[in-house]
Amino acid sequence: MVSPTSPIDKTSMHRYCFYYLQGVNGESFSSPNAFMIKDLQPNSRVTFGTVKRSFPFENMGKFHWRFRETCKEGGFIWRDVMGEDDEVPKFQGVVFAKILRLDKLPRVTATKIRVNMSSEKKALAKSRQQQQQNSQAQKSRPAPYSDRPTRAQMPVVPEASATPAATPAATPAPAPAPAPAPPPAPPPKPETRIERLQRERKEREENQEKVWDEGVHKRIKDMEDAQAKAKRELVAREEGKRAEALELDAVKVKLEPKLKAWCEEYGKKRQLRALLSSLDKVLWPGSGWKPLNLGDVLDAKKARRAYLKASLKVHPDKTRSLDAEKRFIANRVFDALSQANATFEANGGV
């Protein structure tokens, strides 16, 4: 028995695995061994791999594990656990296992061989005695009665006086007997517990591979769909930019002369006051701009106030939802007012 390194009490029983070895002298269910489960965190799952790695005799042979589990109807059952990541069942909060060593099964001793041979000899002698009794009973039984004369009582007919007997009519040959039915097939060999466990484990592995393959195919398909969608969106944006550029080029050809005449005079940039007083002549109808005359912006403070109002009216962030012509006018007016205001401030508001 492997004794734990520290005393076992009710508070520490969940940290140990209680077990006994099947088919080993001195091992019993009522007097189990125990070993501490290593690397066990509080409130964590106890996996089969963790229990196996903590088993002190794991490297000394090949073992099969069964764990005790509480039954819903009462009592307990033994459950086989094969996978390394499978959670180990518990009985009343404690891990309890019975372990069978597979590579060292019990051998048949000489005593058992002698017992089997003596029993076979007794059975053979009994069978021979029964056959002798049956043969003696058949010899002592009287012969059955028959009124047919014996060969000695039948008259002898001379060959000269013998007349040819009439040839009896030919009788049809009897039908051939049907062929005997083939012997029944021997029943299939019952599956051993080891074979059943190996088959179930192989089925689980095949199902896991199938689920993994389906998940990979789904992720690949989702990735391909996302790539195709992103490609379509990129093509649509590029086409929209190209169409917008063509539209702006057409608007520029149409409106550039008018806007250039508004912001320049004989090749020189016009002052801020002149641009503000004539702004209503280049803005689109319904822009909401109130016309100003030159007297309204002679004062520097009034000119700055009018510039701020005009800048807010034609700012690019405010005109994104407008059509191409209005956006082009707003951008050109905003640039012209910004340059004129920079010159205005550099000259001290003159």
Protein backbone atom coordinates (compact mmCIF):
# COMPACT_ATOMS: atom_id res chain seq x y z
CA MET A 1 0.00 0.00 0.00
CA VAL A 2 1.26 3.46 -0.89
CA SER A 3 0.77 5.77 2.07
CA PRO A 4 0.30 9.52 1.44
CA THR A 5 2.90 12.01 2.62
CA SER A 6 0.44 13.76 4.93
CA PRO A 7 -2.50 12.51 7.06
CA ILE A 8 -5.83 12.11 5.24
CA ASP A 9 -8.85 13.83 6.75
CA LYS A 10 -12.26 14.90 5.49
CA THR A 11 -10.93 18.23 4.19
CA SER A 12 -8.12 16.65 2.12
CA MET A 13 -9.75 13.43 0.82
CA HIS A 14 -10.57 15.07 -2.53
CA ARG A 15 -6.82 15.42 -3.19
CA TYR A 16 -6.23 11.64 -3.14
CA CYS A 17 -7.13 8.72 -5.39
CA PHE A 18 -8.13 5.53 -3.54
CA TYR A 19 -7.58 2.27 -5.45
CA TYR A 20 -6.96 -1.46 -5.29
CA LEU A 21 -5.31 -3.84 -7.80
CA GLN A 22 -7.53 -6.62 -9.15
CA GLY A 23 -6.19 -10.18 -8.99
CA VAL A 24 -3.35 -9.31 -6.59
CA ASN A 25 -3.08 -11.09 -3.25
CA GLY A 26 -3.69 -8.78 -0.31
CA GLU A 27 -5.66 -6.23 -2.39
CA SER A 28 -9.36 -5.75 -1.59
CA PHE A 29 -12.17 -3.29 -2.05
CA SER A 30 -12.59 -2.82 1.70
CA SER A 31 -8.92 -1.92 2.29
CA PRO A 32 -7.85 0.34 -0.59
CA ASN A 33 -4.52 2.04 -1.25
CA ALA A 34 -4.17 5.80 -1.86
CA PHE A 35 -1.89 8.25 -3.61
CA MET A 36 -1.95 12.05 -3.86
CA ILE A 37 -3.09 13.57 -7.17
CA LYS A 38 -0.32 15.95 -8.28
CA ASP A 39 -0.78 19.47 -9.70
CA LEU A 40 -4.42 19.60 -8.55
CA GLN A 41 -5.77 23.16 -8.30
CA PRO A 42 -8.72 24.06 -6.02
CA ASN A 43 -12.13 23.58 -7.68
CA SER A 44 -10.47 22.27 -10.88
CA ARG A 45 -11.46 19.28 -13.06
CA VAL A 46 -9.72 15.99 -12.25
CA THR A 47 -8.74 14.47 -15.61
CA PHE A 48 -7.68 10.89 -16.34
CA GLY A 49 -4.25 12.10 -17.52
CA THR A 50 -3.60 13.89 -14.19
CA VAL A 51 -4.52 10.74 -12.23
CA LYS A 52 -2.34 8.48 -14.43
CA ARG A 53 0.69 10.77 -14.11
CA SER A 54 0.31 10.73 -10.32
CA PHE A 55 0.03 6.89 -10.15
CA PRO A 56 3.35 5.65 -8.64
CA PHE A 57 3.38 2.40 -10.72
CA GLU A 58 2.39 3.92 -14.10
CA ASN A 59 5.78 3.14 -15.71
CA MET A 60 5.87 -0.46 -14.44
CA GLY A 61 3.28 -1.94 -16.81
CA LYS A 62 0.07 -1.47 -18.77
CA PHE A 63 -3.08 -0.92 -16.70
CA HIS A 64 -6.81 -0.62 -17.29
CA TRP A 65 -8.74 1.80 -15.04
CA ARG A 66 -12.33 1.76 -13.81
CA PHE A 67 -13.70 4.52 -11.57
CA ARG A 68 -16.49 4.37 -9.05
CA GLU A 69 -19.42 6.71 -9.84
CA THR A 70 -22.58 7.55 -7.93
CA CYS A 71 -25.72 6.06 -9.52
CA LYS A 72 -28.88 8.15 -9.76
CA GLU A 73 -31.03 5.22 -8.56
CA GLY A 74 -28.77 4.78 -5.54
CA GLY A 75 -25.53 2.94 -4.93
CA PHE A 76 -22.71 3.15 -7.46
CA ILE A 77 -21.43 1.82 -10.78
CA TRP A 78 -17.96 1.30 -12.28
CA ARG A 79 -17.19 3.39 -15.37
CA ASP A 80 -14.31 2.93 -17.84
CA VAL A 81 -12.27 6.05 -18.69
CA MET A 82 -9.85 6.02 -21.66
CA GLY A 83 -9.17 9.60 -22.87
CA GLU A 84 -6.42 11.66 -21.25
CA ASP A 85 -8.67 14.79 -21.10
CA ASP A 86 -11.79 12.94 -19.86
CA GLU A 87 -13.01 14.02 -16.45
CA VAL A 88 -12.79 11.33 -13.78
CA PRO A 89 -16.10 10.53 -12.01
CA LYS A 90 -16.30 10.71 -8.23
CA PHE A 91 -18.18 8.83 -5.54
CA GLN A 92 -19.26 11.00 -2.60
CA GLY A 93 -16.66 13.60 -3.65
CA VAL A 94 -13.74 11.13 -3.69
CA VAL A 95 -11.88 9.50 -6.62
CA PHE A 96 -11.99 5.69 -6.23
CA ALA A 97 -10.57 3.29 -8.84
CA LYS A 98 -9.98 -0.39 -9.39
CA ILE A 99 -6.97 -1.15 -11.59
CA LEU A 100 -6.26 -4.26 -13.67
CA ARG A 101 -2.75 -4.94 -14.93
CA LEU A 102 -3.07 -6.09 -18.56
CA ASP A 103 0.49 -7.20 -19.32
CA LYS A 104 0.72 -9.60 -16.34
CA LEU A 105 -2.46 -11.68 -16.08
CA PRO A 106 -2.69 -14.57 -13.52
CA ARG A 107 -1.01 -17.83 -14.70
CA VAL A 108 -2.45 -21.35 -14.38
CA THR A 109 -0.54 -23.21 -11.66
CA ALA A 110 0.49 -26.90 -11.65
CA THR A 111 -2.10 -27.66 -8.98
CA LYS A 112 -4.90 -26.39 -11.22
CA ILE A 113 -3.55 -28.47 -14.14
CA ARG A 114 -3.54 -31.67 -12.03
CA VAL A 115 -7.07 -31.00 -10.80
CA ASN A 116 -8.31 -30.52 -14.38
CA MET A 117 -6.57 -33.73 -15.60
CA SER A 118 -8.01 -35.83 -12.76
CA SER A 119 -11.53 -34.54 -13.47
CA GLU A 120 -11.15 -35.40 -17.17
CA LYS A 121 -9.99 -38.95 -16.33
CA LYS A 122 -12.99 -39.48 -14.04
CA ALA A 123 -15.40 -38.30 -16.74
CA LEU A 124 -13.79 -40.65 -19.33
CA ALA A 125 -14.01 -43.67 -17.02
CA LYS A 126 -17.64 -42.93 -16.25
CA SER A 127 -18.45 -42.73 -19.97
CA ARG A 128 -16.81 -46.11 -20.70
CA GLN A 129 -18.67 -47.76 -17.83
CA GLN A 130 -21.99 -46.45 -19.16
CA GLN A 131 -21.25 -47.88 -22.65
CA GLN A 132 -20.46 -51.35 -21.23
CA GLN A 133 -23.72 -51.39 -19.27
CA ASN A 134 -25.72 -50.51 -22.39
CA SER A 135 -24.09 -53.33 -24.47
CA GLN A 136 -24.77 -55.96 -21.77
CA ALA A 137 -28.42 -54.93 -21.57
CA GLN A 138 -28.83 -55.39 -25.33
CA LYS A 139 -27.33 -58.96 -25.25
CA SER A 140 -29.62 -60.15 -22.42
CA ARG A 141 -32.78 -58.89 -24.19
CA PRO A 142 -34.82 -61.80 -25.97
CA ALA A 143 -35.08 -61.83 -29.80
CA PRO A 144 -38.37 -60.54 -31.25
CA TYR A 145 -41.04 -63.13 -32.42
CA SER A 146 -41.37 -63.86 -36.23
CA ASP A 147 -43.65 -66.44 -38.13
CA ARG A 148 -41.34 -66.50 -41.18
CA PRO A 149 -39.76 -70.00 -41.71
CA THR A 150 -36.07 -70.35 -41.26
CA ARG A 151 -33.73 -71.37 -44.07
CA ALA A 152 -33.54 -74.96 -42.75
CA GLN A 153 -37.38 -75.35 -42.83
CA MET A 154 -37.78 -74.16 -46.46
CA PRO A 155 -38.22 -77.02 -49.13
CA VAL A 156 -35.39 -77.67 -51.58
CA VAL A 157 -36.47 -77.61 -55.27
CA PRO A 158 -34.37 -79.70 -57.75
CA GLU A 159 -32.73 -77.77 -60.52
CA ALA A 160 -34.17 -79.99 -63.34
CA SER A 161 -37.76 -79.59 -62.22
CA ALA A 162 -37.38 -75.97 -61.55
CA THR A 163 -39.39 -73.80 -63.88
CA PRO A 164 -38.34 -70.33 -64.79
CA ALA A 165 -40.02 -67.90 -62.55
CA ALA A 166 -41.89 -64.99 -63.95
CA THR A 167 -39.84 -61.86 -64.12
CA PRO A 168 -41.38 -59.32 -61.78
CA ALA A 169 -42.39 -55.98 -63.26
CA ALA A 170 -39.78 -53.26 -62.98
CA THR A 171 -40.50 -50.80 -60.22
CA PRO A 172 -39.54 -47.13 -60.55
CA ALA A 173 -36.36 -46.13 -58.77
CA PRO A 174 -36.99 -44.20 -55.60
CA ALA A 175 -36.39 -40.44 -55.71
CA PRO A 176 -33.00 -39.42 -54.40
CA ALA A 177 -33.01 -38.31 -50.82
CA PRO A 178 -32.64 -34.58 -50.36
CA ALA A 179 -29.18 -33.39 -49.48
CA PRO A 180 -28.73 -32.84 -45.78
CA ALA A 181 -28.89 -29.26 -44.65
CA PRO A 182 -25.52 -27.69 -43.97
CA PRO A 183 -24.59 -27.47 -40.33
CA PRO A 184 -25.44 -24.16 -38.73
CA ALA A 185 -22.68 -21.58 -38.66
CA PRO A 186 -20.88 -21.38 -35.35
CA PRO A 187 -21.95 -18.44 -33.23
CA PRO A 188 -19.66 -15.40 -33.39
CA LYS A 189 -16.92 -15.29 -30.85
CA PRO A 190 -17.97 -13.02 -27.97
CA GLU A 191 -16.17 -9.69 -27.84
CA THR A 192 -13.81 -9.32 -24.91
CA ARG A 193 -13.81 -6.26 -22.72
CA ILE A 194 -10.43 -5.09 -24.08
CA GLU A 195 -11.66 -5.45 -27.69
CA ARG A 196 -14.83 -3.53 -26.86
CA LEU A 197 -12.87 -0.70 -25.22
CA GLN A 198 -10.49 -0.49 -28.20
CA ARG A 199 -13.42 -0.44 -30.65
CA GLU A 200 -15.24 2.30 -28.72
CA ARG A 201 -12.08 4.40 -28.50
CA LYS A 202 -11.50 4.05 -32.27
CA GLU A 203 -15.11 5.13 -32.94
CA ARG A 204 -14.67 8.20 -30.71
CA GLU A 205 -11.45 9.16 -32.50
CA GLU A 206 -13.15 8.81 -35.92
CA ASN A 207 -16.06 10.98 -34.76
CA GLN A 208 -13.66 13.61 -33.41
CA GLU A 209 -11.76 13.67 -36.73
CA LYS A 210 -15.06 14.03 -38.59
CA VAL A 211 -16.16 16.94 -36.38
CA TRP A 212 -12.71 18.56 -36.75
CA ASP A 213 -12.84 18.24 -40.56
CA GLU A 214 -16.34 19.77 -40.69
CA GLY A 215 -15.21 22.68 -38.48
CA VAL A 216 -12.14 23.34 -40.65
CA HIS A 217 -14.19 23.27 -43.86
CA LYS A 218 -16.71 25.70 -42.34
CA ARG A 219 -13.97 28.13 -41.24
CA ILE A 220 -12.34 27.97 -44.68
CA LYS A 221 -15.69 28.67 -46.36
CA ASP A 222 -16.40 31.59 -43.99
CA MET A 223 -12.93 33.02 -44.72
CA GLU A 224 -13.44 32.71 -48.49
CA ASP A 225 -16.89 34.37 -48.24
CA ALA A 226 -15.42 37.24 -46.19
CA GLN A 227 -12.60 37.71 -48.72
CA ALA A 228 -15.06 37.76 -51.63
CA LYS A 229 -17.27 40.30 -49.81
CA ALA A 230 -14.28 42.57 -49.04
CA LYS A 231 -13.18 42.35 -52.67
CA ARG A 232 -16.65 43.34 -53.91
CA GLU A 233 -16.75 46.29 -51.49
CA LEU A 234 -13.28 47.44 -52.60
CA VAL A 235 -14.25 47.26 -56.28
CA ALA A 236 -17.45 49.20 -55.54
CA ARG A 237 -15.51 51.94 -53.68
CA GLU A 238 -12.95 52.24 -56.48
CA GLU A 239 -15.70 52.49 -59.07
CA GLY A 240 -17.49 55.12 -56.97
CA LYS A 241 -14.30 57.19 -56.64
CA ARG A 242 -13.66 56.91 -60.36
CA ALA A 243 -17.21 57.99 -61.20
CA GLU A 244 -16.99 60.88 -58.72
CA ALA A 245 -13.69 62.05 -60.22
CA LEU A 246 -15.21 62.04 -63.72
CA GLU A 247 -18.21 64.00 -62.47
CA LEU A 248 -15.98 66.56 -60.71
CA ASP A 249 -13.94 67.02 -63.88
CA ALA A 250 -17.11 67.81 -65.81
CA VAL A 251 -18.26 70.24 -63.10
CA LYS A 252 -14.84 71.93 -63.04
CA VAL A 253 -14.96 72.60 -66.76
CA LYS A 254 -18.38 74.16 -66.30
CA LEU A 255 -17.87 76.27 -63.13
CA GLU A 256 -14.15 77.06 -62.98
CA PRO A 257 -14.31 80.25 -65.12
CA LYS A 258 -17.05 81.77 -62.96
CA LEU A 259 -15.28 80.98 -59.68
CA LYS A 260 -11.93 82.18 -60.98
CA ALA A 261 -13.44 85.50 -61.98
CA TRP A 262 -14.95 85.82 -58.48
CA CYS A 263 -11.72 85.19 -56.51
CA GLU A 264 -9.23 86.93 -58.87
CA GLU A 265 -9.06 90.30 -60.56
CA TYR A 266 -6.54 90.85 -63.34
CA GLY A 267 -4.55 87.83 -62.12
CA LYS A 268 -4.36 89.00 -58.48
CA LYS A 269 -6.17 87.46 -55.51
CA ARG A 270 -9.02 89.64 -54.27
CA GLN A 271 -9.16 90.83 -50.66
CA LEU A 272 -11.33 89.20 -47.98
CA ARG A 273 -13.85 92.10 -47.86
CA ALA A 274 -14.39 91.94 -51.63
CA LEU A 275 -14.96 88.18 -51.55
CA LEU A 276 -17.44 88.40 -48.67
CA SER A 277 -19.44 91.23 -50.27
CA SER A 278 -19.83 89.25 -53.54
CA LEU A 279 -20.18 85.74 -52.10
CA ASP A 280 -23.89 85.55 -52.87
CA LYS A 281 -23.12 85.72 -56.62
CA VAL A 282 -21.25 82.35 -56.66
CA LEU A 283 -23.13 80.31 -54.04
CA TRP A 284 -25.94 78.03 -55.18
CA PRO A 285 -29.59 78.99 -54.71
CA GLY A 286 -30.99 77.95 -51.36
CA SER A 287 -27.61 78.01 -49.62
CA GLY A 288 -29.01 80.20 -46.83
CA TRP A 289 -26.30 82.86 -47.19
CA LYS A 290 -27.47 86.42 -46.50
CA PRO A 291 -25.94 88.89 -49.01
CA LEU A 292 -23.56 91.54 -47.64
CA ASN A 293 -22.35 94.83 -49.07
CA LEU A 294 -18.94 96.34 -48.68
CA GLY A 295 -20.09 98.65 -45.87
CA ASP A 296 -21.08 95.65 -43.72
CA VAL A 297 -17.49 94.36 -43.60
CA LEU A 298 -15.44 97.58 -43.41
CA ASP A 299 -14.94 97.08 -39.69
CA ALA A 300 -12.30 94.40 -38.98
CA LYS A 301 -14.40 92.70 -36.30
CA LYS A 302 -17.42 92.52 -38.62
CA ALA A 303 -15.21 91.16 -41.39
CA ARG A 304 -13.88 88.41 -39.13
CA ARG A 305 -17.42 87.56 -38.00
CA ALA A 306 -18.64 87.35 -41.60
CA TYR A 307 -15.65 85.17 -42.53
CA LEU A 308 -16.47 82.69 -39.76
CA LYS A 309 -20.11 82.46 -40.88
CA ALA A 310 -19.09 81.94 -44.50
CA SER A 311 -16.49 79.30 -43.54
CA LEU A 312 -19.08 77.32 -41.61
CA LYS A 313 -21.48 77.53 -44.55
CA VAL A 314 -18.99 76.07 -47.09
CA HIS A 315 -16.89 73.85 -44.81
CA PRO A 316 -16.21 70.39 -46.40
CA ASP A 317 -17.65 68.59 -43.37
CA LYS A 318 -20.95 70.42 -43.86
CA THR A 319 -21.28 69.78 -47.60
CA ARG A 320 -20.62 66.03 -47.93
CA SER A 321 -24.26 65.21 -48.63
CA LEU A 322 -24.60 67.78 -51.46
CA ASP A 323 -24.33 67.02 -55.16
CA ALA A 324 -21.10 67.35 -57.15
CA GLU A 325 -21.67 70.96 -58.35
CA LYS A 326 -22.43 72.29 -54.88
CA ARG A 327 -19.48 70.42 -53.34
CA PHE A 328 -17.13 71.85 -55.98
CA ILE A 329 -18.38 75.41 -55.37
CA ALA A 330 -18.10 74.98 -51.58
CA ASN A 331 -14.52 73.65 -51.81
CA ARG A 332 -13.33 76.46 -54.11
CA VAL A 333 -15.02 79.14 -51.98
CA PHE A 334 -13.58 77.67 -48.76
CA ASP A 335 -10.04 77.66 -50.20
CA ALA A 336 -10.35 81.22 -51.52
CA LEU A 337 -11.72 82.57 -48.21
CA SER A 338 -9.00 80.76 -46.22
CA GLN A 339 -6.21 82.28 -48.34
CA ALA A 340 -7.76 85.76 -48.22
CA ASN A 341 -8.22 85.55 -44.43
CA ALA A 342 -4.57 84.58 -43.99
CA THR A 343 -3.51 87.68 -45.94
CA PHE A 344 -6.04 89.77 -43.98
CA GLU A 345 -4.65 88.69 -40.61
CA ALA A 346 -1.05 89.11 -41.80
CA ASN A 347 -1.78 92.76 -42.68
CA GLY A 348 -3.34 93.39 -39.25
CA GLY A 349 -6.97 93.36 -40.41
CA VAL A 350 -6.48 95.97 -43.12
